[in-house]
N, C-alpha and C. Protein backbone atom coordinates (compact mmCIF):
# COMPACT_ATOMS: atom_id res chain seq x y z
N UNK A 1 -277.46 -3.92 80.85
CA UNK A 1 -276.07 -3.48 80.82
C UNK A 1 -276.03 -2.00 81.22
N UNK A 2 -275.25 -1.65 82.27
CA UNK A 2 -275.14 -0.25 82.67
C UNK A 2 -274.60 0.62 81.53
N UNK A 3 -274.92 1.91 81.60
CA UNK A 3 -274.55 2.83 80.52
C UNK A 3 -273.04 2.88 80.31
N UNK A 4 -272.27 2.93 81.39
CA UNK A 4 -270.81 3.01 81.24
C UNK A 4 -270.28 1.76 80.52
N UNK A 5 -270.77 0.60 80.91
CA UNK A 5 -270.37 -0.65 80.26
C UNK A 5 -270.77 -0.66 78.80
N UNK A 6 -271.97 -0.13 78.52
CA UNK A 6 -272.47 -0.08 77.15
C UNK A 6 -271.57 0.81 76.29
N UNK A 7 -271.16 1.95 76.81
CA UNK A 7 -270.29 2.87 76.05
C UNK A 7 -268.93 2.23 75.79
N UNK A 8 -268.38 1.57 76.78
CA UNK A 8 -267.09 0.89 76.61
C UNK A 8 -267.21 -0.18 75.55
N UNK A 9 -268.29 -0.93 75.59
CA UNK A 9 -268.52 -1.97 74.60
C UNK A 9 -268.64 -1.37 73.19
N UNK A 10 -269.34 -0.25 73.06
CA UNK A 10 -269.47 0.42 71.76
C UNK A 10 -268.12 0.90 71.26
N UNK A 11 -267.32 1.47 72.15
CA UNK A 11 -265.98 1.95 71.77
C UNK A 11 -265.12 0.78 71.31
N UNK A 12 -265.18 -0.33 72.03
CA UNK A 12 -264.43 -1.53 71.62
C UNK A 12 -264.87 -1.98 70.23
N UNK A 13 -266.17 -1.95 69.97
CA UNK A 13 -266.69 -2.33 68.67
C UNK A 13 -266.19 -1.42 67.56
N UNK A 14 -266.18 -0.12 67.82
CA UNK A 14 -265.69 0.85 66.83
C UNK A 14 -264.21 0.63 66.55
N UNK A 15 -263.43 0.39 67.59
CA UNK A 15 -261.99 0.14 67.42
C UNK A 15 -261.77 -1.13 66.60
N UNK A 16 -262.51 -2.19 66.90
CA UNK A 16 -262.38 -3.43 66.13
C UNK A 16 -262.80 -3.24 64.67
N UNK A 17 -263.84 -2.44 64.45
CA UNK A 17 -264.27 -2.16 63.08
C UNK A 17 -263.18 -1.37 62.33
N UNK A 18 -262.58 -0.38 63.00
CA UNK A 18 -261.48 0.38 62.38
C UNK A 18 -260.29 -0.53 62.09
N UNK A 19 -260.00 -1.44 63.00
CA UNK A 19 -258.92 -2.41 62.78
C UNK A 19 -259.21 -3.28 61.56
N UNK A 20 -260.46 -3.70 61.42
CA UNK A 20 -260.86 -4.50 60.26
C UNK A 20 -260.62 -3.73 58.97
N UNK A 21 -261.00 -2.47 58.95
CA UNK A 21 -260.80 -1.64 57.75
C UNK A 21 -259.31 -1.47 57.48
N UNK A 22 -258.52 -1.23 58.53
CA UNK A 22 -257.07 -1.06 58.36
C UNK A 22 -256.44 -2.32 57.77
N UNK A 23 -256.79 -3.47 58.31
CA UNK A 23 -256.23 -4.73 57.80
C UNK A 23 -256.68 -4.96 56.36
N UNK A 24 -257.96 -4.72 56.08
CA UNK A 24 -258.48 -4.91 54.73
C UNK A 24 -257.74 -4.04 53.72
N UNK A 25 -257.63 -2.75 54.02
CA UNK A 25 -256.95 -1.83 53.10
C UNK A 25 -255.47 -2.17 52.97
N UNK A 26 -254.86 -2.64 54.04
CA UNK A 26 -253.46 -3.07 53.98
C UNK A 26 -253.29 -4.27 53.07
N UNK A 27 -254.18 -5.23 53.18
CA UNK A 27 -254.08 -6.45 52.37
C UNK A 27 -254.38 -6.20 50.90
N UNK A 28 -255.42 -5.42 50.60
CA UNK A 28 -255.76 -5.24 49.19
C UNK A 28 -254.79 -4.31 48.46
N UNK A 29 -254.07 -3.48 49.20
CA UNK A 29 -253.10 -2.60 48.55
C UNK A 29 -251.66 -3.09 48.75
N UNK A 30 -251.51 -4.35 49.16
CA UNK A 30 -250.19 -4.93 49.42
C UNK A 30 -249.33 -4.90 48.16
N UNK A 31 -248.15 -4.36 48.31
CA UNK A 31 -247.16 -4.31 47.24
C UNK A 31 -245.85 -4.82 47.82
N UNK A 32 -245.39 -6.00 47.39
CA UNK A 32 -244.18 -6.59 47.97
C UNK A 32 -242.96 -5.67 47.93
N UNK A 33 -242.88 -4.79 46.94
CA UNK A 33 -241.69 -3.92 46.84
C UNK A 33 -241.70 -2.80 47.88
N UNK A 34 -242.73 -2.72 48.71
CA UNK A 34 -242.72 -1.78 49.84
C UNK A 34 -241.81 -2.27 50.96
N UNK A 35 -241.44 -3.54 50.91
CA UNK A 35 -240.68 -4.19 51.98
C UNK A 35 -239.26 -4.45 51.50
N UNK A 36 -238.29 -4.16 52.37
CA UNK A 36 -236.88 -4.36 52.03
C UNK A 36 -236.55 -5.82 51.76
N UNK A 37 -237.36 -6.74 52.24
CA UNK A 37 -237.15 -8.17 52.02
C UNK A 37 -237.19 -8.48 50.52
N UNK A 38 -238.01 -7.75 49.78
CA UNK A 38 -238.18 -8.00 48.35
C UNK A 38 -237.38 -7.05 47.46
N UNK A 39 -237.09 -5.87 47.93
CA UNK A 39 -236.44 -4.89 47.07
C UNK A 39 -235.58 -3.95 47.90
N UNK A 40 -234.37 -3.69 47.42
CA UNK A 40 -233.48 -2.73 48.06
C UNK A 40 -233.22 -1.58 47.10
N UNK A 41 -233.49 -0.37 47.44
CA UNK A 41 -234.26 0.08 48.60
C UNK A 41 -235.75 -0.16 48.36
N UNK A 42 -236.52 -0.25 49.43
CA UNK A 42 -237.97 -0.43 49.26
C UNK A 42 -238.61 0.85 48.74
N UNK A 43 -239.85 0.74 48.28
CA UNK A 43 -240.57 1.92 47.81
C UNK A 43 -240.61 2.99 48.90
N UNK A 44 -240.29 4.21 48.52
CA UNK A 44 -240.39 5.33 49.45
C UNK A 44 -241.09 6.46 48.72
N UNK A 45 -242.26 6.87 49.13
CA UNK A 45 -243.06 6.32 50.22
C UNK A 45 -243.69 4.98 49.81
N UNK A 46 -244.19 4.29 50.79
CA UNK A 46 -244.82 2.99 50.53
C UNK A 46 -246.04 3.17 49.63
N UNK A 47 -246.24 2.24 48.73
CA UNK A 47 -247.40 2.25 47.84
C UNK A 47 -248.66 1.83 48.62
N UNK A 48 -248.49 1.03 49.65
CA UNK A 48 -249.61 0.54 50.45
C UNK A 48 -250.41 1.71 50.98
N UNK A 49 -251.73 1.61 50.87
CA UNK A 49 -252.61 2.70 51.28
C UNK A 49 -252.51 3.02 52.77
N UNK A 50 -252.03 2.10 53.57
CA UNK A 50 -251.90 2.31 55.00
C UNK A 50 -250.45 2.60 55.40
N UNK A 51 -249.63 2.99 54.43
CA UNK A 51 -248.25 3.37 54.70
C UNK A 51 -247.37 2.17 55.03
N UNK A 52 -246.24 2.47 55.66
CA UNK A 52 -245.29 1.41 56.01
C UNK A 52 -245.90 0.42 57.00
N UNK A 53 -246.68 0.92 57.94
CA UNK A 53 -247.31 0.01 58.92
C UNK A 53 -248.20 -1.00 58.20
N UNK A 54 -248.99 -0.53 57.26
CA UNK A 54 -249.85 -1.41 56.49
C UNK A 54 -249.06 -2.36 55.61
N UNK A 55 -247.95 -1.86 55.06
CA UNK A 55 -247.11 -2.70 54.20
C UNK A 55 -246.51 -3.85 55.00
N UNK A 56 -246.00 -3.56 56.19
CA UNK A 56 -245.41 -4.62 57.01
C UNK A 56 -246.47 -5.56 57.58
N UNK A 57 -247.62 -5.03 57.93
CA UNK A 57 -248.71 -5.88 58.41
C UNK A 57 -249.14 -6.84 57.30
N UNK A 58 -249.36 -6.30 56.11
CA UNK A 58 -249.78 -7.14 54.98
C UNK A 58 -248.71 -8.16 54.63
N UNK A 59 -247.44 -7.75 54.67
CA UNK A 59 -246.34 -8.69 54.39
C UNK A 59 -246.37 -9.84 55.39
N UNK A 60 -246.48 -9.51 56.67
CA UNK A 60 -246.48 -10.55 57.70
C UNK A 60 -247.66 -11.50 57.56
N UNK A 61 -248.84 -10.94 57.37
CA UNK A 61 -250.04 -11.78 57.23
C UNK A 61 -249.96 -12.63 55.97
N UNK A 62 -249.51 -12.02 54.87
CA UNK A 62 -249.41 -12.75 53.61
C UNK A 62 -248.37 -13.87 53.71
N UNK A 63 -247.24 -13.57 54.32
CA UNK A 63 -246.18 -14.57 54.44
C UNK A 63 -246.61 -15.74 55.32
N UNK A 64 -247.22 -15.43 56.44
CA UNK A 64 -247.60 -16.47 57.40
C UNK A 64 -248.86 -17.22 56.96
N UNK A 65 -249.86 -16.50 56.43
CA UNK A 65 -251.17 -17.12 56.19
C UNK A 65 -251.65 -17.10 54.75
N UNK A 66 -250.99 -16.37 53.86
CA UNK A 66 -251.47 -16.28 52.48
C UNK A 66 -252.88 -15.71 52.45
N UNK A 67 -253.72 -16.29 51.58
CA UNK A 67 -255.11 -15.83 51.50
C UNK A 67 -255.90 -16.13 52.76
N UNK A 68 -255.40 -17.02 53.57
CA UNK A 68 -256.04 -17.30 54.85
C UNK A 68 -256.11 -16.07 55.74
N UNK A 69 -255.25 -15.08 55.48
CA UNK A 69 -255.26 -13.84 56.27
C UNK A 69 -256.58 -13.10 56.15
N UNK A 70 -257.29 -13.31 55.05
CA UNK A 70 -258.57 -12.63 54.89
C UNK A 70 -259.61 -13.11 55.90
N UNK A 71 -259.40 -14.28 56.48
CA UNK A 71 -260.30 -14.75 57.54
C UNK A 71 -260.20 -13.86 58.78
N UNK A 72 -259.04 -13.26 58.98
CA UNK A 72 -258.87 -12.36 60.13
C UNK A 72 -259.85 -11.20 60.01
N UNK A 73 -260.11 -10.76 58.79
CA UNK A 73 -261.09 -9.69 58.58
C UNK A 73 -262.47 -10.11 59.07
N UNK A 74 -262.85 -11.31 58.75
CA UNK A 74 -264.15 -11.82 59.19
C UNK A 74 -264.21 -11.89 60.72
N UNK A 75 -263.14 -12.37 61.31
CA UNK A 75 -263.09 -12.51 62.77
C UNK A 75 -263.19 -11.14 63.45
N UNK A 76 -262.37 -10.18 63.01
CA UNK A 76 -262.40 -8.85 63.65
C UNK A 76 -263.72 -8.13 63.38
N UNK A 77 -264.30 -8.34 62.21
CA UNK A 77 -265.59 -7.72 61.90
C UNK A 77 -266.69 -8.28 62.79
N UNK A 78 -266.76 -9.59 62.92
CA UNK A 78 -267.78 -10.21 63.77
C UNK A 78 -267.58 -9.79 65.22
N UNK A 79 -266.34 -9.81 65.69
CA UNK A 79 -266.08 -9.38 67.07
C UNK A 79 -266.48 -7.92 67.26
N UNK A 80 -266.17 -7.08 66.28
CA UNK A 80 -266.52 -5.67 66.37
C UNK A 80 -268.02 -5.44 66.44
N UNK A 81 -268.75 -6.14 65.59
CA UNK A 81 -270.22 -6.01 65.59
C UNK A 81 -270.79 -6.49 66.92
N UNK A 82 -270.29 -7.62 67.39
CA UNK A 82 -270.79 -8.15 68.67
C UNK A 82 -270.49 -7.19 69.82
N UNK A 83 -269.29 -6.65 69.86
CA UNK A 83 -268.94 -5.73 70.95
C UNK A 83 -269.76 -4.45 70.83
N UNK A 84 -269.94 -3.93 69.62
CA UNK A 84 -270.70 -2.71 69.43
C UNK A 84 -272.14 -2.90 69.91
N UNK A 85 -272.70 -4.06 69.68
CA UNK A 85 -274.07 -4.35 70.10
C UNK A 85 -274.14 -4.74 71.58
N UNK A 86 -272.99 -4.81 72.25
CA UNK A 86 -272.98 -5.12 73.67
C UNK A 86 -273.06 -6.59 74.00
N UNK A 87 -272.84 -7.43 73.01
CA UNK A 87 -272.91 -8.88 73.23
C UNK A 87 -271.58 -9.34 73.81
N UNK A 88 -271.66 -9.95 74.97
CA UNK A 88 -270.45 -10.46 75.62
C UNK A 88 -270.10 -11.82 75.06
N UNK A 89 -268.82 -12.10 75.08
CA UNK A 89 -268.35 -13.41 74.64
C UNK A 89 -268.38 -14.37 75.82
N UNK A 90 -268.97 -15.50 75.60
CA UNK A 90 -268.99 -16.54 76.61
C UNK A 90 -267.97 -17.60 76.20
N UNK A 91 -267.39 -18.21 77.19
CA UNK A 91 -266.41 -19.27 76.93
C UNK A 91 -265.31 -18.76 75.98
N UNK A 92 -264.64 -17.71 76.41
CA UNK A 92 -263.64 -17.06 75.56
C UNK A 92 -262.52 -17.99 75.13
N UNK A 93 -262.11 -18.89 76.00
CA UNK A 93 -261.02 -19.81 75.65
C UNK A 93 -261.46 -20.72 74.51
N UNK A 94 -262.69 -21.22 74.57
CA UNK A 94 -263.19 -22.07 73.48
C UNK A 94 -263.32 -21.28 72.18
N UNK A 95 -263.77 -20.06 72.29
CA UNK A 95 -263.93 -19.20 71.11
C UNK A 95 -262.56 -18.94 70.48
N UNK A 96 -261.57 -18.60 71.29
CA UNK A 96 -260.22 -18.34 70.78
C UNK A 96 -259.63 -19.60 70.15
N UNK A 97 -259.83 -20.74 70.79
CA UNK A 97 -259.35 -22.00 70.23
C UNK A 97 -260.02 -22.28 68.89
N UNK A 98 -261.32 -22.04 68.80
CA UNK A 98 -262.05 -22.25 67.56
C UNK A 98 -261.54 -21.37 66.43
N UNK A 99 -261.28 -20.10 66.74
CA UNK A 99 -260.75 -19.18 65.73
C UNK A 99 -259.36 -19.63 65.28
N UNK A 100 -258.52 -20.00 66.24
CA UNK A 100 -257.18 -20.47 65.90
C UNK A 100 -257.24 -21.72 65.01
N UNK A 101 -258.07 -22.68 65.38
CA UNK A 101 -258.21 -23.90 64.57
C UNK A 101 -258.79 -23.59 63.19
N UNK A 102 -259.71 -22.65 63.12
CA UNK A 102 -260.28 -22.24 61.83
C UNK A 102 -259.20 -21.65 60.92
N UNK A 103 -258.38 -20.76 61.46
CA UNK A 103 -257.30 -20.15 60.68
C UNK A 103 -256.28 -21.19 60.23
N UNK A 104 -255.87 -22.05 61.15
CA UNK A 104 -254.85 -23.07 60.85
C UNK A 104 -255.37 -24.05 59.81
N UNK A 105 -256.59 -24.54 59.98
CA UNK A 105 -257.11 -25.53 59.03
C UNK A 105 -257.34 -24.91 57.65
N UNK A 106 -257.78 -23.66 57.60
CA UNK A 106 -257.97 -22.99 56.32
C UNK A 106 -256.65 -22.82 55.59
N UNK A 107 -255.62 -22.37 56.29
CA UNK A 107 -254.30 -22.21 55.67
C UNK A 107 -253.77 -23.56 55.18
N UNK A 108 -253.98 -24.60 55.96
CA UNK A 108 -253.52 -25.94 55.58
C UNK A 108 -254.24 -26.41 54.32
N UNK A 109 -255.54 -26.24 54.27
CA UNK A 109 -256.30 -26.65 53.08
C UNK A 109 -255.91 -25.84 51.86
N UNK A 110 -255.71 -24.54 52.03
CA UNK A 110 -255.32 -23.70 50.89
C UNK A 110 -253.97 -24.11 50.34
N UNK A 111 -253.02 -24.43 51.21
CA UNK A 111 -251.69 -24.84 50.75
C UNK A 111 -251.66 -26.25 50.19
N UNK A 112 -252.61 -27.07 50.56
CA UNK A 112 -252.65 -28.45 50.08
C UNK A 112 -253.07 -28.54 48.62
N UNK A 113 -253.68 -27.50 48.11
CA UNK A 113 -254.20 -27.52 46.74
C UNK A 113 -253.11 -27.78 45.71
N UNK A 114 -252.00 -27.09 45.81
CA UNK A 114 -250.90 -27.24 44.86
C UNK A 114 -249.75 -27.93 45.56
N UNK A 115 -249.45 -29.13 45.13
CA UNK A 115 -248.42 -29.89 45.84
C UNK A 115 -247.02 -29.56 45.36
N UNK A 116 -246.86 -29.11 44.12
CA UNK A 116 -245.52 -28.92 43.58
C UNK A 116 -245.13 -27.46 43.36
N UNK A 117 -246.08 -26.57 43.26
CA UNK A 117 -245.77 -25.19 42.92
C UNK A 117 -245.68 -24.37 44.21
N UNK A 118 -244.46 -24.19 44.71
CA UNK A 118 -244.24 -23.54 46.01
C UNK A 118 -244.81 -22.13 46.04
N UNK A 119 -244.62 -21.36 44.97
CA UNK A 119 -245.09 -19.97 44.97
C UNK A 119 -246.60 -19.90 45.15
N UNK A 120 -247.33 -20.79 44.48
CA UNK A 120 -248.79 -20.78 44.62
C UNK A 120 -249.20 -21.23 46.02
N UNK A 121 -248.52 -22.21 46.56
CA UNK A 121 -248.84 -22.70 47.91
C UNK A 121 -248.59 -21.60 48.94
N UNK A 122 -247.49 -20.86 48.76
CA UNK A 122 -247.17 -19.78 49.69
C UNK A 122 -248.22 -18.68 49.59
N UNK A 123 -248.65 -18.36 48.38
CA UNK A 123 -249.66 -17.32 48.20
C UNK A 123 -251.01 -17.76 48.78
N UNK A 124 -251.34 -19.02 48.65
CA UNK A 124 -252.65 -19.48 49.10
C UNK A 124 -252.74 -19.63 50.62
N UNK A 125 -251.85 -20.40 51.20
CA UNK A 125 -251.96 -20.70 52.63
C UNK A 125 -250.81 -20.20 53.47
N UNK A 126 -249.87 -19.49 52.86
CA UNK A 126 -248.74 -18.95 53.60
C UNK A 126 -247.80 -20.03 54.10
N UNK A 127 -246.79 -19.58 54.82
CA UNK A 127 -245.78 -20.48 55.37
C UNK A 127 -246.43 -21.47 56.34
N UNK A 128 -247.36 -20.99 57.13
CA UNK A 128 -248.07 -21.85 58.08
C UNK A 128 -248.75 -23.01 57.36
N UNK A 129 -249.44 -22.71 56.29
CA UNK A 129 -250.14 -23.74 55.53
C UNK A 129 -249.20 -24.74 54.89
N UNK A 130 -248.07 -24.26 54.38
CA UNK A 130 -247.09 -25.15 53.75
C UNK A 130 -246.52 -26.12 54.78
N UNK A 131 -246.09 -25.58 55.91
CA UNK A 131 -245.48 -26.43 56.94
C UNK A 131 -246.48 -27.48 57.43
N UNK A 132 -247.70 -27.07 57.72
CA UNK A 132 -248.70 -28.01 58.23
C UNK A 132 -249.14 -29.02 57.17
N UNK A 133 -249.37 -28.56 55.95
CA UNK A 133 -249.81 -29.52 54.92
C UNK A 133 -248.70 -30.51 54.58
N UNK A 134 -247.45 -30.04 54.53
CA UNK A 134 -246.33 -30.96 54.28
C UNK A 134 -246.21 -31.99 55.39
N UNK A 135 -246.29 -31.53 56.63
CA UNK A 135 -246.18 -32.44 57.76
C UNK A 135 -247.29 -33.47 57.79
N UNK A 136 -248.52 -33.01 57.57
CA UNK A 136 -249.65 -33.94 57.56
C UNK A 136 -249.55 -34.94 56.41
N UNK A 137 -249.12 -34.46 55.24
CA UNK A 137 -249.00 -35.37 54.08
C UNK A 137 -247.91 -36.41 54.31
N UNK A 138 -246.82 -36.02 54.96
CA UNK A 138 -245.74 -36.98 55.22
C UNK A 138 -246.19 -38.07 56.19
N UNK A 139 -246.98 -37.69 57.16
CA UNK A 139 -247.40 -38.65 58.18
C UNK A 139 -248.64 -39.44 57.75
N UNK A 140 -249.63 -38.77 57.15
CA UNK A 140 -250.92 -39.40 56.87
C UNK A 140 -251.22 -39.57 55.39
N UNK A 141 -250.35 -39.11 54.51
CA UNK A 141 -250.63 -39.16 53.07
C UNK A 141 -251.55 -38.02 52.69
N UNK A 142 -251.74 -37.81 51.38
CA UNK A 142 -252.53 -36.68 50.89
C UNK A 142 -253.99 -36.77 51.34
N UNK A 143 -254.59 -37.94 51.20
CA UNK A 143 -256.01 -38.10 51.59
C UNK A 143 -256.20 -37.92 53.09
N UNK A 144 -255.30 -38.50 53.87
CA UNK A 144 -255.37 -38.35 55.32
C UNK A 144 -255.19 -36.90 55.75
N UNK A 145 -254.28 -36.19 55.07
CA UNK A 145 -254.05 -34.78 55.39
C UNK A 145 -255.31 -33.95 55.13
N UNK A 146 -255.95 -34.19 53.98
CA UNK A 146 -257.19 -33.49 53.69
C UNK A 146 -258.27 -33.81 54.72
N UNK A 147 -258.40 -35.08 55.05
CA UNK A 147 -259.41 -35.51 56.02
C UNK A 147 -259.20 -34.82 57.36
N UNK A 148 -257.97 -34.78 57.82
CA UNK A 148 -257.66 -34.15 59.11
C UNK A 148 -257.95 -32.65 59.05
N UNK A 149 -257.50 -31.99 57.97
CA UNK A 149 -257.70 -30.54 57.86
C UNK A 149 -259.19 -30.19 57.78
N UNK A 150 -259.95 -30.96 57.02
CA UNK A 150 -261.39 -30.71 56.91
C UNK A 150 -262.08 -30.98 58.25
N UNK A 151 -261.68 -32.03 58.93
CA UNK A 151 -262.26 -32.34 60.24
C UNK A 151 -261.99 -31.21 61.24
N UNK A 152 -260.76 -30.72 61.25
CA UNK A 152 -260.42 -29.60 62.15
C UNK A 152 -261.25 -28.37 61.78
N UNK A 153 -261.43 -28.12 60.50
CA UNK A 153 -262.25 -26.99 60.05
C UNK A 153 -263.70 -27.14 60.53
N UNK A 154 -264.26 -28.32 60.36
CA UNK A 154 -265.65 -28.57 60.77
C UNK A 154 -265.80 -28.46 62.29
N UNK A 155 -264.82 -28.93 63.03
CA UNK A 155 -264.87 -28.85 64.50
C UNK A 155 -264.69 -27.41 64.97
N UNK A 156 -263.90 -26.62 64.23
CA UNK A 156 -263.61 -25.25 64.66
C UNK A 156 -264.81 -24.32 64.56
N UNK A 157 -265.70 -24.55 63.62
CA UNK A 157 -266.83 -23.64 63.42
C UNK A 157 -267.75 -23.52 64.64
N UNK A 158 -268.18 -24.63 65.25
CA UNK A 158 -269.02 -24.47 66.45
C UNK A 158 -268.28 -23.79 67.59
N UNK A 159 -266.98 -24.03 67.70
CA UNK A 159 -266.21 -23.39 68.76
C UNK A 159 -266.07 -21.89 68.51
N UNK A 160 -265.79 -21.52 67.26
CA UNK A 160 -265.53 -20.12 66.93
C UNK A 160 -266.79 -19.29 66.86
N UNK A 161 -267.87 -19.86 66.35
CA UNK A 161 -269.06 -19.06 66.06
C UNK A 161 -270.32 -19.52 66.77
N UNK A 162 -270.20 -20.43 67.70
CA UNK A 162 -271.37 -20.98 68.39
C UNK A 162 -272.42 -21.47 67.40
N UNK A 163 -271.96 -22.16 66.38
CA UNK A 163 -272.85 -22.75 65.38
C UNK A 163 -273.19 -24.16 65.84
N UNK A 164 -274.46 -24.48 65.79
CA UNK A 164 -274.90 -25.83 66.13
C UNK A 164 -275.30 -26.52 64.83
N UNK A 165 -274.57 -27.55 64.45
CA UNK A 165 -274.87 -28.25 63.20
C UNK A 165 -276.27 -28.84 63.18
N UNK A 166 -276.72 -29.52 64.24
CA UNK A 166 -278.10 -30.05 64.19
C UNK A 166 -279.14 -28.94 64.00
N UNK A 167 -278.98 -27.81 64.68
CA UNK A 167 -279.93 -26.71 64.52
C UNK A 167 -279.83 -26.11 63.12
N UNK A 168 -278.61 -25.98 62.62
CA UNK A 168 -278.39 -25.38 61.30
C UNK A 168 -279.04 -26.22 60.20
N UNK A 169 -278.86 -27.53 60.28
CA UNK A 169 -279.38 -28.41 59.23
C UNK A 169 -280.86 -28.75 59.40
N UNK A 170 -281.46 -28.36 60.51
CA UNK A 170 -282.89 -28.62 60.70
C UNK A 170 -283.74 -27.49 60.15
N UNK A 171 -283.11 -26.48 59.59
CA UNK A 171 -283.87 -25.35 59.02
C UNK A 171 -284.64 -25.83 57.88
């Protein structure tokens, strides 16, 4: 890898690592009353360690994905480490599809845990998880919904992380 390409790759890795830290600190210091959606007027200044930007980022991630949002940290961290080390991504479309399926299936499984308590389902898998788990349960029943979500999760891992199940289990 030429030096210029190597430096660009390192810079991309550092930026992704900083993004991971920003998202992490935003999520762990999330305070719903920083957002006008929950309280009028919202906290001024924001309690979130990353300010208003962190408060709105955490609100959006929490609302859409619940605890599934923490997977984004893993994704950005792995991408950052790979870019910093100069490792190029091969088959980017497959990798992106794998990450998307991993996030979607995780949110669905998290929301499927509590069938009647909306607040817990929203906290666990976010709005995305509730919509998908409800839809799957209506069409395939609870057992079918779990089976589909777990299957999608298992299929997403080799796509997202280039994991080979036969190689992994032959250790």
